[in-house]
Amino acid sequence: MLSAFRKLPETKQEAILSAAAQVFALKGFHQANVADICHKAGISNGALYKYFENKQALFVGVFDYAVQIMVSELFQKNLDRNASVYETVRHIFEDLVALAEKQPELLMLYVNIGSCSMNNVAPPLSGKIEGEAKRFWLELVRRGKANGEINKELADAAVAYFIDNHVSLLAYSLVSKHFESRFMVYFGDEIGAMSAEAAIEIIMQSIRMMLE
């Protein structure tokens, strides 16, 4: 991200990053076309290269933008809730569903960096969101143990990882047809459809069963 981009009005920055996020989410990093991004953002190709050195730098900027929103919408707003561990986790699942409805491209970016084709790009990006998540979950786990909600014999990091994996499970199933189908294979019925509320309830039962 070059200095010219930082000098843009915040609304213009968000418009460019949001447009790029949608294109990257739908086409993936490797297939995304800079021209398509510029068209969607309403800027010229030349202008984009004044703001970002190349497509990878733009993707990093977009991912940082996505992380900022996800951390705010999922973790920061739940940090000081006066609620039990399990109520807090449920709130985060509900906020995740709301985010998937409002800005699905952000979760799609997170899903996309998990693909093998992103191995050369993902490592520094993954740490940004995973580090924030780990700090939040560890604090929640320690609070849960102090309140007698979580088995004290379980390792903090293992519990944090376990909960976060369930968050990823729901996130993937909300934006990926493969993972939605995978979830339904195990937990669906003959109707073939499941509400977000029902999916959250299944995941919450799993978490309680393993941690209490």
N, C-alpha and C. Protein backbone atom coordinates (compact mmCIF):
# COMPACT_ATOMS: atom_id res chain seq x y z
N MET A 1 0.85 -1.18 0.00
CA MET A 1 0.00 0.00 0.00
C MET A 1 0.89 1.24 0.00
N LEU A 2 0.78 2.04 -1.04
CA LEU A 2 1.65 3.21 -1.19
C LEU A 2 1.03 4.44 -0.53
N SER A 3 1.86 5.46 -0.33
CA SER A 3 1.42 6.65 0.40
C SER A 3 0.25 7.35 -0.29
N ALA A 4 0.19 7.26 -1.63
CA ALA A 4 -0.90 7.91 -2.36
C ALA A 4 -2.26 7.33 -1.96
N PHE A 5 -2.28 6.05 -1.65
CA PHE A 5 -3.55 5.43 -1.24
C PHE A 5 -3.96 5.94 0.14
N ARG A 6 -3.01 6.06 1.04
CA ARG A 6 -3.31 6.51 2.40
C ARG A 6 -3.80 7.96 2.43
N LYS A 7 -3.47 8.71 1.38
CA LYS A 7 -3.91 10.11 1.32
C LYS A 7 -5.35 10.25 0.80
N LEU A 8 -5.91 9.16 0.27
CA LEU A 8 -7.28 9.21 -0.22
C LEU A 8 -8.26 9.34 0.94
N PRO A 9 -9.43 9.93 0.70
CA PRO A 9 -10.47 9.94 1.74
C PRO A 9 -10.80 8.50 2.17
N GLU A 10 -11.15 8.32 3.42
CA GLU A 10 -11.39 6.98 3.95
C GLU A 10 -12.49 6.26 3.17
N THR A 11 -13.51 7.00 2.76
CA THR A 11 -14.60 6.36 2.00
C THR A 11 -14.11 5.84 0.66
N LYS A 12 -13.18 6.56 0.03
CA LYS A 12 -12.62 6.12 -1.25
C LYS A 12 -11.74 4.89 -1.04
N GLN A 13 -10.95 4.88 0.02
CA GLN A 13 -10.14 3.71 0.33
C GLN A 13 -11.01 2.48 0.51
N GLU A 14 -12.08 2.63 1.29
CA GLU A 14 -12.97 1.50 1.55
C GLU A 14 -13.65 1.02 0.28
N ALA A 15 -14.01 1.94 -0.60
CA ALA A 15 -14.67 1.56 -1.86
C ALA A 15 -13.74 0.72 -2.73
N ILE A 16 -12.47 1.11 -2.80
CA ILE A 16 -11.49 0.36 -3.60
C ILE A 16 -11.23 -1.01 -3.00
N LEU A 17 -11.03 -1.04 -1.69
CA LEU A 17 -10.74 -2.31 -1.02
C LEU A 17 -11.94 -3.25 -1.07
N SER A 18 -13.14 -2.69 -0.91
CA SER A 18 -14.35 -3.51 -0.98
C SER A 18 -14.54 -4.10 -2.37
N ALA A 19 -14.32 -3.29 -3.40
CA ALA A 19 -14.44 -3.77 -4.77
C ALA A 19 -13.42 -4.88 -5.05
N ALA A 20 -12.19 -4.66 -4.61
CA ALA A 20 -11.14 -5.67 -4.81
C ALA A 20 -11.46 -6.94 -4.04
N ALA A 21 -12.00 -6.80 -2.84
CA ALA A 21 -12.35 -7.97 -2.03
C ALA A 21 -13.38 -8.83 -2.74
N GLN A 22 -14.36 -8.20 -3.37
CA GLN A 22 -15.39 -8.95 -4.08
C GLN A 22 -14.82 -9.71 -5.27
N VAL A 23 -13.93 -9.09 -6.01
CA VAL A 23 -13.33 -9.76 -7.17
C VAL A 23 -12.41 -10.89 -6.72
N PHE A 24 -11.56 -10.64 -5.74
CA PHE A 24 -10.67 -11.69 -5.23
C PHE A 24 -11.47 -12.86 -4.66
N ALA A 25 -12.57 -12.54 -3.97
CA ALA A 25 -13.38 -13.59 -3.34
C ALA A 25 -14.02 -14.50 -4.39
N LEU A 26 -14.51 -13.92 -5.46
CA LEU A 26 -15.20 -14.69 -6.48
C LEU A 26 -14.25 -15.43 -7.42
N LYS A 27 -13.10 -14.83 -7.73
CA LYS A 27 -12.21 -15.42 -8.72
C LYS A 27 -10.95 -16.03 -8.12
N GLY A 28 -10.66 -15.72 -6.85
CA GLY A 28 -9.42 -16.19 -6.27
C GLY A 28 -8.27 -15.27 -6.65
N PHE A 29 -7.20 -15.34 -5.90
CA PHE A 29 -6.07 -14.43 -6.14
C PHE A 29 -5.49 -14.60 -7.54
N HIS A 30 -5.27 -15.84 -7.96
CA HIS A 30 -4.55 -16.08 -9.21
C HIS A 30 -5.39 -15.73 -10.44
N GLN A 31 -6.69 -15.91 -10.36
CA GLN A 31 -7.55 -15.64 -11.52
C GLN A 31 -8.11 -14.22 -11.53
N ALA A 32 -8.00 -13.52 -10.43
CA ALA A 32 -8.52 -12.15 -10.37
C ALA A 32 -7.77 -11.26 -11.35
N ASN A 33 -8.51 -10.42 -12.05
CA ASN A 33 -7.95 -9.54 -13.07
C ASN A 33 -7.94 -8.11 -12.56
N VAL A 34 -6.79 -7.45 -12.65
CA VAL A 34 -6.68 -6.08 -12.18
C VAL A 34 -7.67 -5.17 -12.90
N ALA A 35 -7.89 -5.42 -14.18
CA ALA A 35 -8.82 -4.60 -14.94
C ALA A 35 -10.24 -4.72 -14.38
N ASP A 36 -10.62 -5.94 -13.99
CA ASP A 36 -11.94 -6.15 -13.40
C ASP A 36 -12.08 -5.42 -12.07
N ILE A 37 -11.01 -5.44 -11.30
CA ILE A 37 -11.02 -4.75 -10.01
C ILE A 37 -11.17 -3.25 -10.22
N CYS A 38 -10.41 -2.72 -11.15
CA CYS A 38 -10.47 -1.28 -11.43
C CYS A 38 -11.86 -0.88 -11.93
N HIS A 39 -12.43 -1.70 -12.81
CA HIS A 39 -13.77 -1.40 -13.33
C HIS A 39 -14.79 -1.37 -12.19
N LYS A 40 -14.72 -2.35 -11.31
CA LYS A 40 -15.67 -2.42 -10.19
C LYS A 40 -15.46 -1.26 -9.23
N ALA A 41 -14.21 -0.85 -9.05
CA ALA A 41 -13.90 0.23 -8.12
C ALA A 41 -14.10 1.61 -8.74
N GLY A 42 -14.25 1.65 -10.07
CA GLY A 42 -14.44 2.92 -10.74
C GLY A 42 -13.16 3.76 -10.84
N ILE A 43 -12.03 3.08 -11.01
CA ILE A 43 -10.76 3.78 -11.17
C ILE A 43 -10.01 3.20 -12.36
N SER A 44 -8.99 3.90 -12.83
CA SER A 44 -8.20 3.42 -13.96
C SER A 44 -7.11 2.47 -13.47
N ASN A 45 -6.60 1.65 -14.40
CA ASN A 45 -5.48 0.77 -14.06
C ASN A 45 -4.29 1.57 -13.56
N GLY A 46 -4.03 2.70 -14.22
CA GLY A 46 -2.90 3.53 -13.83
C GLY A 46 -3.05 4.05 -12.42
N ALA A 47 -4.28 4.41 -12.04
CA ALA A 47 -4.51 4.91 -10.68
C ALA A 47 -4.24 3.82 -9.66
N LEU A 48 -4.66 2.59 -9.98
CA LEU A 48 -4.46 1.50 -9.03
C LEU A 48 -2.99 1.30 -8.73
N TYR A 49 -2.15 1.39 -9.77
CA TYR A 49 -0.72 1.17 -9.57
C TYR A 49 -0.03 2.36 -8.89
N LYS A 50 -0.76 3.46 -8.73
CA LYS A 50 -0.26 4.54 -7.88
C LYS A 50 -0.52 4.24 -6.41
N TYR A 51 -1.49 3.36 -6.18
CA TYR A 51 -1.89 3.03 -4.81
C TYR A 51 -1.24 1.74 -4.29
N PHE A 52 -0.96 0.80 -5.22
CA PHE A 52 -0.39 -0.50 -4.84
C PHE A 52 0.67 -0.89 -5.87
N GLU A 53 1.75 -1.48 -5.40
CA GLU A 53 2.85 -1.82 -6.30
C GLU A 53 2.45 -2.87 -7.32
N ASN A 54 1.66 -3.85 -6.90
CA ASN A 54 1.26 -4.94 -7.78
C ASN A 54 0.02 -5.63 -7.22
N LYS A 55 -0.43 -6.67 -7.86
CA LYS A 55 -1.66 -7.36 -7.45
C LYS A 55 -1.50 -7.99 -6.07
N GLN A 56 -0.32 -8.53 -5.78
CA GLN A 56 -0.12 -9.15 -4.48
C GLN A 56 -0.20 -8.11 -3.36
N ALA A 57 0.38 -6.94 -3.60
CA ALA A 57 0.31 -5.87 -2.59
C ALA A 57 -1.13 -5.44 -2.37
N LEU A 58 -1.91 -5.42 -3.45
CA LEU A 58 -3.33 -5.09 -3.33
C LEU A 58 -4.05 -6.15 -2.51
N PHE A 59 -3.75 -7.42 -2.78
CA PHE A 59 -4.39 -8.51 -2.03
C PHE A 59 -4.06 -8.41 -0.54
N VAL A 60 -2.82 -8.09 -0.23
CA VAL A 60 -2.43 -7.93 1.18
C VAL A 60 -3.23 -6.80 1.82
N GLY A 61 -3.38 -5.68 1.09
CA GLY A 61 -4.16 -4.57 1.60
C GLY A 61 -5.61 -4.95 1.82
N VAL A 62 -6.16 -5.71 0.88
CA VAL A 62 -7.55 -6.17 0.99
C VAL A 62 -7.70 -7.11 2.18
N PHE A 63 -6.75 -8.00 2.35
CA PHE A 63 -6.84 -8.96 3.46
C PHE A 63 -6.73 -8.24 4.80
N ASP A 64 -5.86 -7.25 4.88
CA ASP A 64 -5.77 -6.45 6.10
C ASP A 64 -7.10 -5.77 6.41
N TYR A 65 -7.73 -5.28 5.36
CA TYR A 65 -9.06 -4.65 5.48
C TYR A 65 -10.08 -5.66 6.01
N ALA A 66 -10.05 -6.86 5.47
CA ALA A 66 -10.97 -7.91 5.90
C ALA A 66 -10.72 -8.30 7.36
N VAL A 67 -9.45 -8.43 7.72
CA VAL A 67 -9.10 -8.79 9.10
C VAL A 67 -9.59 -7.73 10.07
N GLN A 68 -9.40 -6.47 9.71
CA GLN A 68 -9.84 -5.37 10.58
C GLN A 68 -11.35 -5.46 10.86
N ILE A 69 -12.12 -5.73 9.82
CA ILE A 69 -13.57 -5.83 9.99
C ILE A 69 -13.94 -7.08 10.78
N MET A 70 -13.33 -8.20 10.47
CA MET A 70 -13.66 -9.44 11.17
C MET A 70 -13.31 -9.36 12.66
N VAL A 71 -12.16 -8.79 12.96
CA VAL A 71 -11.77 -8.65 14.37
C VAL A 71 -12.75 -7.74 15.10
N SER A 72 -13.14 -6.66 14.44
CA SER A 72 -14.09 -5.73 15.06
C SER A 72 -15.46 -6.37 15.26
N GLU A 73 -15.96 -7.05 14.23
CA GLU A 73 -17.32 -7.60 14.26
C GLU A 73 -17.43 -8.87 15.09
N LEU A 74 -16.35 -9.63 15.19
CA LEU A 74 -16.43 -10.92 15.89
C LEU A 74 -15.80 -10.90 17.28
N PHE A 75 -14.69 -10.22 17.44
CA PHE A 75 -13.97 -10.31 18.71
C PHE A 75 -14.09 -9.06 19.58
N GLN A 76 -13.78 -7.90 19.03
CA GLN A 76 -13.77 -6.70 19.86
C GLN A 76 -15.12 -6.41 20.50
N LYS A 77 -16.20 -6.58 19.74
CA LYS A 77 -17.52 -6.28 20.27
C LYS A 77 -17.95 -7.28 21.33
N ASN A 78 -17.30 -8.44 21.37
CA ASN A 78 -17.64 -9.46 22.36
C ASN A 78 -16.64 -9.55 23.50
N LEU A 79 -15.62 -8.69 23.46
CA LEU A 79 -14.54 -8.78 24.43
C LEU A 79 -15.02 -8.52 25.85
N ASP A 80 -15.88 -7.53 26.02
CA ASP A 80 -16.30 -7.13 27.36
C ASP A 80 -17.74 -7.50 27.68
N ARG A 81 -18.29 -8.45 26.95
CA ARG A 81 -19.66 -8.89 27.26
C ARG A 81 -19.71 -9.49 28.65
N ASN A 82 -20.72 -9.13 29.40
CA ASN A 82 -20.93 -9.74 30.71
C ASN A 82 -21.75 -11.01 30.51
N ALA A 83 -21.12 -12.02 29.95
CA ALA A 83 -21.82 -13.25 29.59
C ALA A 83 -20.92 -14.44 29.86
N SER A 84 -21.51 -15.61 29.93
CA SER A 84 -20.73 -16.83 30.13
C SER A 84 -19.90 -17.12 28.89
N VAL A 85 -18.96 -18.04 29.02
CA VAL A 85 -18.14 -18.44 27.88
C VAL A 85 -19.02 -18.91 26.73
N TYR A 86 -19.98 -19.75 27.04
CA TYR A 86 -20.79 -20.35 25.99
C TYR A 86 -21.75 -19.34 25.37
N GLU A 87 -22.24 -18.41 26.14
CA GLU A 87 -23.05 -17.33 25.59
C GLU A 87 -22.22 -16.45 24.66
N THR A 88 -20.98 -16.18 25.07
CA THR A 88 -20.09 -15.37 24.24
C THR A 88 -19.79 -16.07 22.92
N VAL A 89 -19.50 -17.37 22.99
CA VAL A 89 -19.23 -18.12 21.76
C VAL A 89 -20.46 -18.12 20.86
N ARG A 90 -21.63 -18.29 21.44
CA ARG A 90 -22.86 -18.26 20.64
C ARG A 90 -23.05 -16.89 19.97
N HIS A 91 -22.78 -15.81 20.71
CA HIS A 91 -22.87 -14.47 20.14
C HIS A 91 -21.94 -14.34 18.93
N ILE A 92 -20.73 -14.89 19.05
CA ILE A 92 -19.77 -14.80 17.96
C ILE A 92 -20.27 -15.58 16.74
N PHE A 93 -20.85 -16.76 16.97
CA PHE A 93 -21.43 -17.51 15.85
C PHE A 93 -22.54 -16.70 15.18
N GLU A 94 -23.39 -16.07 15.97
CA GLU A 94 -24.48 -15.26 15.42
C GLU A 94 -23.94 -14.05 14.65
N ASP A 95 -22.88 -13.44 15.18
CA ASP A 95 -22.26 -12.32 14.48
C ASP A 95 -21.60 -12.78 13.18
N LEU A 96 -21.07 -14.00 13.19
CA LEU A 96 -20.46 -14.56 11.99
C LEU A 96 -21.51 -14.76 10.89
N VAL A 97 -22.66 -15.25 11.27
CA VAL A 97 -23.76 -15.43 10.31
C VAL A 97 -24.17 -14.07 9.74
N ALA A 98 -24.29 -13.07 10.60
CA ALA A 98 -24.66 -11.72 10.15
C ALA A 98 -23.61 -11.15 9.19
N LEU A 99 -22.33 -11.39 9.49
CA LEU A 99 -21.25 -10.91 8.61
C LEU A 99 -21.31 -11.61 7.26
N ALA A 100 -21.62 -12.91 7.27
CA ALA A 100 -21.71 -13.67 6.02
C ALA A 100 -22.85 -13.16 5.16
N GLU A 101 -23.90 -12.67 5.78
CA GLU A 101 -25.03 -12.13 5.02
C GLU A 101 -24.72 -10.73 4.48
N LYS A 102 -23.96 -9.96 5.27
CA LYS A 102 -23.68 -8.57 4.90
C LYS A 102 -22.48 -8.44 3.98
N GLN A 103 -21.39 -9.14 4.30
CA GLN A 103 -20.16 -9.04 3.50
C GLN A 103 -19.54 -10.43 3.33
N PRO A 104 -20.20 -11.30 2.57
CA PRO A 104 -19.69 -12.67 2.41
C PRO A 104 -18.29 -12.73 1.82
N GLU A 105 -17.92 -11.71 1.03
CA GLU A 105 -16.61 -11.73 0.39
C GLU A 105 -15.47 -11.76 1.41
N LEU A 106 -15.71 -11.22 2.60
CA LEU A 106 -14.65 -11.22 3.61
C LEU A 106 -14.37 -12.64 4.10
N LEU A 107 -15.42 -13.41 4.33
CA LEU A 107 -15.23 -14.80 4.74
C LEU A 107 -14.69 -15.64 3.58
N MET A 108 -15.10 -15.30 2.38
CA MET A 108 -14.59 -16.03 1.22
C MET A 108 -13.09 -15.83 1.06
N LEU A 109 -12.60 -14.63 1.36
CA LEU A 109 -11.15 -14.40 1.31
C LEU A 109 -10.45 -15.28 2.33
N TYR A 110 -11.04 -15.41 3.51
CA TYR A 110 -10.44 -16.25 4.55
C TYR A 110 -10.41 -17.71 4.10
N VAL A 111 -11.50 -18.17 3.48
CA VAL A 111 -11.55 -19.53 2.97
C VAL A 111 -10.51 -19.72 1.87
N ASN A 112 -10.39 -18.72 1.00
CA ASN A 112 -9.47 -18.83 -0.14
C ASN A 112 -8.01 -18.98 0.26
N ILE A 113 -7.59 -18.32 1.33
CA ILE A 113 -6.17 -18.43 1.69
C ILE A 113 -5.84 -19.82 2.24
N GLY A 114 -6.88 -20.62 2.50
CA GLY A 114 -6.64 -21.98 2.97
C GLY A 114 -6.38 -22.96 1.84
N SER A 115 -6.49 -22.52 0.60
CA SER A 115 -6.26 -23.42 -0.52
C SER A 115 -4.76 -23.59 -0.76
N CYS A 116 -4.40 -24.77 -1.27
CA CYS A 116 -2.98 -25.07 -1.53
C CYS A 116 -2.37 -24.09 -2.53
N SER A 117 -3.18 -23.55 -3.42
CA SER A 117 -2.67 -22.62 -4.43
C SER A 117 -2.19 -21.32 -3.80
N MET A 118 -2.55 -21.09 -2.54
CA MET A 118 -2.16 -19.86 -1.86
C MET A 118 -0.99 -20.05 -0.91
N ASN A 119 -0.33 -21.20 -0.98
CA ASN A 119 0.75 -21.50 -0.04
C ASN A 119 1.87 -20.46 -0.04
N ASN A 120 2.13 -19.84 -1.19
CA ASN A 120 3.21 -18.86 -1.26
C ASN A 120 2.79 -17.49 -0.74
N VAL A 121 1.49 -17.28 -0.60
CA VAL A 121 0.98 -15.98 -0.19
C VAL A 121 0.45 -15.98 1.24
N ALA A 122 -0.07 -17.13 1.67
CA ALA A 122 -0.85 -17.21 2.90
C ALA A 122 -0.09 -17.01 4.22
N PRO A 123 1.13 -17.57 4.39
CA PRO A 123 1.73 -17.56 5.73
C PRO A 123 1.72 -16.23 6.47
N PRO A 124 2.19 -15.12 5.88
CA PRO A 124 2.17 -13.86 6.65
C PRO A 124 0.77 -13.33 6.87
N LEU A 125 -0.17 -13.69 5.98
CA LEU A 125 -1.54 -13.22 6.12
C LEU A 125 -2.28 -13.99 7.21
N SER A 126 -2.07 -15.29 7.25
CA SER A 126 -2.77 -16.14 8.21
C SER A 126 -2.50 -15.69 9.64
N GLY A 127 -1.27 -15.33 9.91
CA GLY A 127 -0.91 -14.93 11.26
C GLY A 127 -1.66 -13.71 11.76
N LYS A 128 -2.09 -12.86 10.83
CA LYS A 128 -2.77 -11.62 11.23
C LYS A 128 -4.11 -11.91 11.89
N ILE A 129 -4.92 -12.76 11.27
CA ILE A 129 -6.23 -13.08 11.83
C ILE A 129 -6.12 -14.13 12.93
N GLU A 130 -5.23 -15.12 12.74
CA GLU A 130 -5.13 -16.19 13.73
C GLU A 130 -4.54 -15.68 15.04
N GLY A 131 -3.62 -14.73 14.97
CA GLY A 131 -3.05 -14.17 16.20
C GLY A 131 -4.09 -13.44 17.02
N GLU A 132 -4.94 -12.66 16.34
CA GLU A 132 -6.01 -11.94 17.03
C GLU A 132 -6.99 -12.92 17.65
N ALA A 133 -7.34 -13.95 16.89
CA ALA A 133 -8.29 -14.95 17.39
C ALA A 133 -7.71 -15.68 18.60
N LYS A 134 -6.45 -16.07 18.52
CA LYS A 134 -5.83 -16.80 19.62
C LYS A 134 -5.84 -15.99 20.90
N ARG A 135 -5.51 -14.72 20.82
CA ARG A 135 -5.51 -13.88 22.03
C ARG A 135 -6.90 -13.81 22.65
N PHE A 136 -7.90 -13.66 21.80
CA PHE A 136 -9.27 -13.57 22.31
C PHE A 136 -9.68 -14.89 22.96
N TRP A 137 -9.44 -16.00 22.28
CA TRP A 137 -9.89 -17.30 22.81
C TRP A 137 -9.16 -17.67 24.08
N LEU A 138 -7.87 -17.40 24.15
CA LEU A 138 -7.12 -17.73 25.36
C LEU A 138 -7.67 -16.97 26.57
N GLU A 139 -7.98 -15.70 26.38
CA GLU A 139 -8.55 -14.91 27.47
C GLU A 139 -9.91 -15.47 27.87
N LEU A 140 -10.71 -15.86 26.90
CA LEU A 140 -12.03 -16.42 27.18
C LEU A 140 -11.91 -17.76 27.90
N VAL A 141 -10.97 -18.59 27.47
CA VAL A 141 -10.77 -19.90 28.09
C VAL A 141 -10.33 -19.74 29.54
N ARG A 142 -9.41 -18.85 29.81
CA ARG A 142 -8.93 -18.64 31.18
C ARG A 142 -10.05 -18.13 32.07
N ARG A 143 -10.88 -17.25 31.52
CA ARG A 143 -12.03 -16.77 32.27
C ARG A 143 -13.01 -17.90 32.53
N GLY A 144 -13.20 -18.74 31.53
CA GLY A 144 -14.11 -19.87 31.69
C GLY A 144 -13.65 -20.85 32.73
N LYS A 145 -12.35 -21.09 32.78
CA LYS A 145 -11.82 -21.99 33.81
C LYS A 145 -11.99 -21.39 35.20
N ALA A 146 -11.73 -20.10 35.31
CA ALA A 146 -11.86 -19.42 36.62
C ALA A 146 -13.31 -19.46 37.11
N ASN A 147 -14.26 -19.44 36.17
CA ASN A 147 -15.67 -19.46 36.53
C ASN A 147 -16.25 -20.87 36.63
N GLY A 148 -15.40 -21.88 36.42
CA GLY A 148 -15.86 -23.26 36.51
C GLY A 148 -16.67 -23.73 35.31
N GLU A 149 -16.57 -23.02 34.19
CA GLU A 149 -17.34 -23.38 32.99
C GLU A 149 -16.58 -24.36 32.10
N ILE A 150 -15.26 -24.39 32.22
CA ILE A 150 -14.42 -25.25 31.39
C ILE A 150 -13.56 -26.12 32.29
N ASN A 151 -13.43 -27.36 31.93
CA ASN A 151 -12.61 -28.32 32.67
C ASN A 151 -11.18 -27.78 32.82
N LYS A 152 -10.73 -27.60 34.06
CA LYS A 152 -9.43 -27.00 34.32
C LYS A 152 -8.26 -27.89 33.91
N GLU A 153 -8.52 -29.18 33.69
CA GLU A 153 -7.45 -30.09 33.30
C GLU A 153 -7.10 -29.97 31.81
N LEU A 154 -7.94 -29.31 31.06
CA LEU A 154 -7.67 -29.16 29.62
C LEU A 154 -6.66 -28.04 29.39
N ALA A 155 -5.76 -28.22 28.44
CA ALA A 155 -4.76 -27.21 28.12
C ALA A 155 -5.42 -26.01 27.46
N ASP A 156 -5.02 -24.81 27.90
CA ASP A 156 -5.62 -23.58 27.39
C ASP A 156 -5.54 -23.49 25.87
N ALA A 157 -4.34 -23.71 25.33
CA ALA A 157 -4.15 -23.56 23.88
C ALA A 157 -4.98 -24.58 23.10
N ALA A 158 -5.10 -25.80 23.65
CA ALA A 158 -5.88 -26.83 22.97
C ALA A 158 -7.36 -26.46 22.94
N VAL A 159 -7.86 -25.91 24.03
CA VAL A 159 -9.26 -25.49 24.09
C VAL A 159 -9.50 -24.33 23.13
N ALA A 160 -8.58 -23.35 23.12
CA ALA A 160 -8.71 -22.21 22.22
C ALA A 160 -8.73 -22.68 20.77
N TYR A 161 -7.85 -23.61 20.44
CA TYR A 161 -7.77 -24.14 19.08
C TYR A 161 -9.04 -24.89 18.72
N PHE A 162 -9.56 -25.65 19.67
CA PHE A 162 -10.78 -26.42 19.47
C PHE A 162 -11.96 -25.50 19.16
N ILE A 163 -12.12 -24.45 19.95
CA ILE A 163 -13.22 -23.52 19.71
C ILE A 163 -13.05 -22.82 18.37
N ASP A 164 -11.84 -22.37 18.10
CA ASP A 164 -11.59 -21.64 16.85
C ASP A 164 -11.85 -22.52 15.64
N ASN A 165 -11.54 -23.81 15.74
CA ASN A 165 -11.82 -24.72 14.63
C ASN A 165 -13.32 -24.82 14.37
N HIS A 166 -14.13 -24.73 15.41
CA HIS A 166 -15.58 -24.75 15.22
C HIS A 166 -16.06 -23.45 14.57
N VAL A 167 -15.41 -22.35 14.90
CA VAL A 167 -15.73 -21.08 14.24
C VAL A 167 -15.41 -21.19 12.74
N SER A 168 -14.25 -21.76 12.44
CA SER A 168 -13.86 -21.96 11.04
C SER A 168 -14.84 -22.89 10.32
N LEU A 169 -15.27 -23.93 11.01
CA LEU A 169 -16.24 -24.87 10.44
C LEU A 169 -17.50 -24.14 10.00
N LEU A 170 -18.02 -23.29 10.87
CA LEU A 170 -19.23 -22.54 10.52
C LEU A 170 -18.93 -21.53 9.41
N ALA A 171 -17.81 -20.81 9.52
CA ALA A 171 -17.46 -19.80 8.50
C ALA A 171 -17.37 -20.44 7.12
N TYR A 172 -16.68 -21.58 7.03
CA TYR A 172 -16.53 -22.25 5.74
C TYR A 172 -17.89 -22.68 5.20
N SER A 173 -18.74 -23.23 6.06
CA SER A 173 -20.03 -23.73 5.59
C SER A 173 -20.96 -22.62 5.16
N LEU A 174 -20.71 -21.39 5.62
CA LEU A 174 -21.57 -20.26 5.25
C LEU A 174 -21.29 -19.72 3.85
N VAL A 175 -20.08 -19.94 3.35
CA VAL A 175 -19.72 -19.35 2.05
C VAL A 175 -19.23 -20.36 1.02
N SER A 176 -19.00 -21.58 1.43
CA SER A 176 -18.49 -22.60 0.51
C SER A 176 -19.54 -23.71 0.35
N LYS A 177 -19.96 -23.96 -0.88
CA LYS A 177 -20.94 -25.01 -1.13
C LYS A 177 -20.40 -26.39 -0.75
N HIS A 178 -19.10 -26.59 -0.94
CA HIS A 178 -18.51 -27.87 -0.55
C HIS A 178 -18.64 -28.08 0.95
N PHE A 179 -18.26 -27.07 1.73
CA PHE A 179 -18.30 -27.23 3.18
C PHE A 179 -19.72 -27.19 3.72
N GLU A 180 -20.62 -26.51 3.03
CA GLU A 180 -22.03 -26.58 3.40
C GLU A 180 -22.55 -28.00 3.21
N SER A 181 -22.20 -28.61 2.07
CA SER A 181 -22.62 -29.98 1.79
C SER A 181 -22.00 -30.96 2.79
N ARG A 182 -20.74 -30.72 3.11
CA ARG A 182 -20.03 -31.59 4.06
C ARG A 182 -20.72 -31.55 5.42
N PHE A 183 -21.11 -30.35 5.85
CA PHE A 183 -21.80 -30.21 7.13
C PHE A 183 -23.13 -30.96 7.08
N MET A 184 -23.84 -30.85 5.97
CA MET A 184 -25.14 -31.50 5.85
C MET A 184 -25.03 -33.01 5.80
N VAL A 185 -23.94 -33.53 5.24
CA VAL A 185 -23.75 -34.98 5.19
C VAL A 185 -23.74 -35.56 6.60
N TYR A 186 -23.11 -34.85 7.52
CA TYR A 186 -23.00 -35.35 8.88
C TYR A 186 -24.19 -34.99 9.76
N PHE A 187 -24.74 -33.80 9.57
CA PHE A 187 -25.74 -33.31 10.51
C PHE A 187 -27.11 -33.01 9.90
N GLY A 188 -27.23 -33.10 8.57
CA GLY A 188 -28.49 -32.78 7.93
C GLY A 188 -29.49 -33.93 8.01
N ASP A 189 -30.64 -33.71 7.43
CA ASP A 189 -31.66 -34.74 7.37
C ASP A 189 -32.18 -34.85 5.95
N GLU A 190 -33.25 -35.58 5.75
CA GLU A 190 -33.76 -35.82 4.41
C GLU A 190 -34.28 -34.54 3.76
N ILE A 191 -34.60 -33.54 4.56
CA ILE A 191 -35.10 -32.28 4.01
C ILE A 191 -33.99 -31.59 3.22
N GLY A 192 -32.76 -31.74 3.67
CA GLY A 192 -31.62 -31.19 2.96
C GLY A 192 -31.38 -29.73 3.19
N ALA A 193 -32.02 -29.14 4.17
CA ALA A 193 -31.81 -27.72 4.47
C ALA A 193 -31.73 -27.55 5.98
N MET A 194 -30.93 -26.58 6.40
CA MET A 194 -30.78 -26.34 7.83
C MET A 194 -30.60 -24.86 8.05
N SER A 195 -31.30 -24.32 9.02
CA SER A 195 -31.15 -22.90 9.33
C SER A 195 -29.82 -22.65 10.02
N ALA A 196 -29.38 -21.40 9.98
CA ALA A 196 -28.14 -21.04 10.68
C ALA A 196 -28.28 -21.29 12.17
N GLU A 197 -29.47 -21.04 12.71
CA GLU A 197 -29.71 -21.24 14.14
C GLU A 197 -29.54 -22.72 14.52
N ALA A 198 -30.04 -23.61 13.65
CA ALA A 198 -29.91 -25.04 13.92
C ALA A 198 -28.45 -25.48 13.85
N ALA A 199 -27.72 -24.94 12.87
CA ALA A 199 -26.30 -25.28 12.74
C ALA A 199 -25.52 -24.81 13.96
N ILE A 200 -25.82 -23.61 14.43
CA ILE A 200 -25.15 -23.08 15.62
C ILE A 200 -25.44 -23.96 16.83
N GLU A 201 -26.66 -24.42 16.96
CA GLU A 201 -27.03 -25.26 18.10
C GLU A 201 -26.24 -26.57 18.09
N ILE A 202 -26.08 -27.16 16.93
CA ILE A 202 -25.30 -28.40 16.81
C ILE A 202 -23.85 -28.17 17.23
N ILE A 203 -23.28 -27.08 16.75
CA ILE A 203 -21.88 -26.78 17.08
C ILE A 203 -21.72 -26.47 18.56
N MET A 204 -22.66 -25.74 19.13
CA MET A 204 -22.60 -25.43 20.55
C MET A 204 -22.67 -26.69 21.40
N GLN A 205 -23.49 -27.64 21.01
CA GLN A 205 -23.58 -28.91 21.74
C GLN A 205 -22.24 -29.63 21.72
N SER A 206 -21.57 -29.60 20.58
CA SER A 206 -20.25 -30.23 20.45
C SER A 206 -19.24 -29.58 21.37
N ILE A 207 -19.24 -28.25 21.40
CA ILE A 207 -18.28 -27.52 22.24
C ILE A 207 -18.53 -27.81 23.73
N ARG A 208 -19.75 -27.76 24.14
CA ARG A 208 -20.08 -28.03 25.55
C ARG A 208 -19.69 -29.45 25.94
N MET A 209 -20.00 -30.39 25.08
CA MET A 209 -19.73 -31.80 25.36
C MET A 209 -18.25 -32.05 25.62
N MET A 210 -17.38 -31.34 24.89
CA MET A 210 -15.95 -31.59 24.99
C MET A 210 -15.27 -30.78 26.09
N LEU A 211 -15.85 -29.65 26.48
CA LEU A 211 -15.14 -28.74 27.37
C LEU A 211 -15.63 -28.75 28.82
N GLU A 212 -16.84 -29.18 29.05
CA GLU A 212 -17.35 -29.10 30.42
C GLU A 212 -16.82 -30.24 31.29
